[in-house]
Amino acid sequence: MFDNLADPNGAALTGPTPPQHVADAMHRAWVSFVRPRLATL
């Protein structure tokens, strides 16, 4: 979902030079959010 800046379908949202550091931060945030909840499934 996040950290997928190379996908051409996302270019309309990210613009021509998407910031990798933002993608990295969002990816880490989502993984941190989801990981503890996986144990409850």
C-alpha atoms as a PDB file:
ATOM      1  CA  MET A   1       0.000   0.000   0.000  1.00  0.00           C
ATOM      2  CA  PHE A   2       2.579   2.548   1.080  1.00  0.00           C
ATOM      3  CA  ASP A   3       6.172   2.822  -0.061  1.00  0.00           C
ATOM      4  CA  ASN A   4       5.107   1.980  -3.608  1.00  0.00           C
ATOM      5  CA  LEU A   5       6.280   5.125  -5.377  1.00  0.00           C
ATOM      6  CA  ALA A   6       7.366   3.316  -8.540  1.00  0.00           C
ATOM      7  CA  ASP A   7       3.763   2.387  -9.425  1.00  0.00           C
ATOM      8  CA  PRO A   8       2.779   4.561 -12.407  1.00  0.00           C
ATOM      9  CA  ASN A   9      -0.870   4.493 -11.297  1.00  0.00           C
ATOM     10  CA  GLY A  10       0.006   6.588  -8.270  1.00  0.00           C
ATOM     11  CA  ALA A  11       1.776   9.383 -10.156  1.00  0.00           C
ATOM     12  CA  ALA A  12      -1.357  11.535 -10.238  1.00  0.00           C
ATOM     13  CA  LEU A  13      -1.343  11.578  -6.436  1.00  0.00           C
ATOM     14  CA  THR A  14       2.378  11.759  -5.755  1.00  0.00           C
ATOM     15  CA  GLY A  15       3.574  14.091  -8.500  1.00  0.00           C
ATOM     16  CA  PRO A  16       6.750  13.776 -10.549  1.00  0.00           C
ATOM     17  CA  THR A  17       9.190  13.584  -7.611  1.00  0.00           C
ATOM     18  CA  PRO A  18       7.504  11.864  -4.671  1.00  0.00           C
ATOM     19  CA  PRO A  19       9.426  12.106  -1.387  1.00  0.00           C
ATOM     20  CA  GLN A  20      10.785   8.678  -0.439  1.00  0.00           C
ATOM     21  CA  HIS A  21      11.229   9.728   3.208  1.00  0.00           C
ATOM     22  CA  VAL A  22       7.475  10.335   3.524  1.00  0.00           C
ATOM     23  CA  ALA A  23       6.691   6.959   1.963  1.00  0.00           C
ATOM     24  CA  ASP A  24       9.139   5.298   4.368  1.00  0.00           C
ATOM     25  CA  ALA A  25       7.564   7.022   7.378  1.00  0.00           C
ATOM     26  CA  MET A  26       4.029   6.082   6.325  1.00  0.00           C
ATOM     27  CA  HIS A  27       5.068   2.493   5.729  1.00  0.00           C
ATOM     28  CA  ARG A  28       6.649   2.264   9.194  1.00  0.00           C
ATOM     29  CA  ALA A  29       3.590   3.858  10.798  1.00  0.00           C
ATOM     30  CA  TRP A  30       1.164   1.406   9.190  1.00  0.00           C
ATOM     31  CA  VAL A  31       3.324  -1.602  10.020  1.00  0.00           C
ATOM     32  CA  SER A  32       3.548  -0.420  13.637  1.00  0.00           C
ATOM     33  CA  PHE A  33      -0.222  -0.016  13.734  1.00  0.00           C
ATOM     34  CA  VAL A  34      -1.076  -3.373  12.167  1.00  0.00           C
ATOM     35  CA  ARG A  35       1.558  -5.687  13.624  1.00  0.00           C
ATOM     36  CA  PRO A  36       0.160  -5.872  17.203  1.00  0.00           C
ATOM     37  CA  ARG A  37      -3.342  -6.463  15.839  1.00  0.00           C
ATOM     38  CA  LEU A  38      -2.281  -9.480  13.785  1.00  0.00           C
ATOM     39  CA  ALA A  39      -1.781 -11.456  16.969  1.00  0.00           C
ATOM     40  CA  THR A  40      -5.494 -11.088  17.769  1.00  0.00           C
ATOM     41  CA  LEU A  41      -6.680 -12.692  14.520  1.00  0.00           C
END
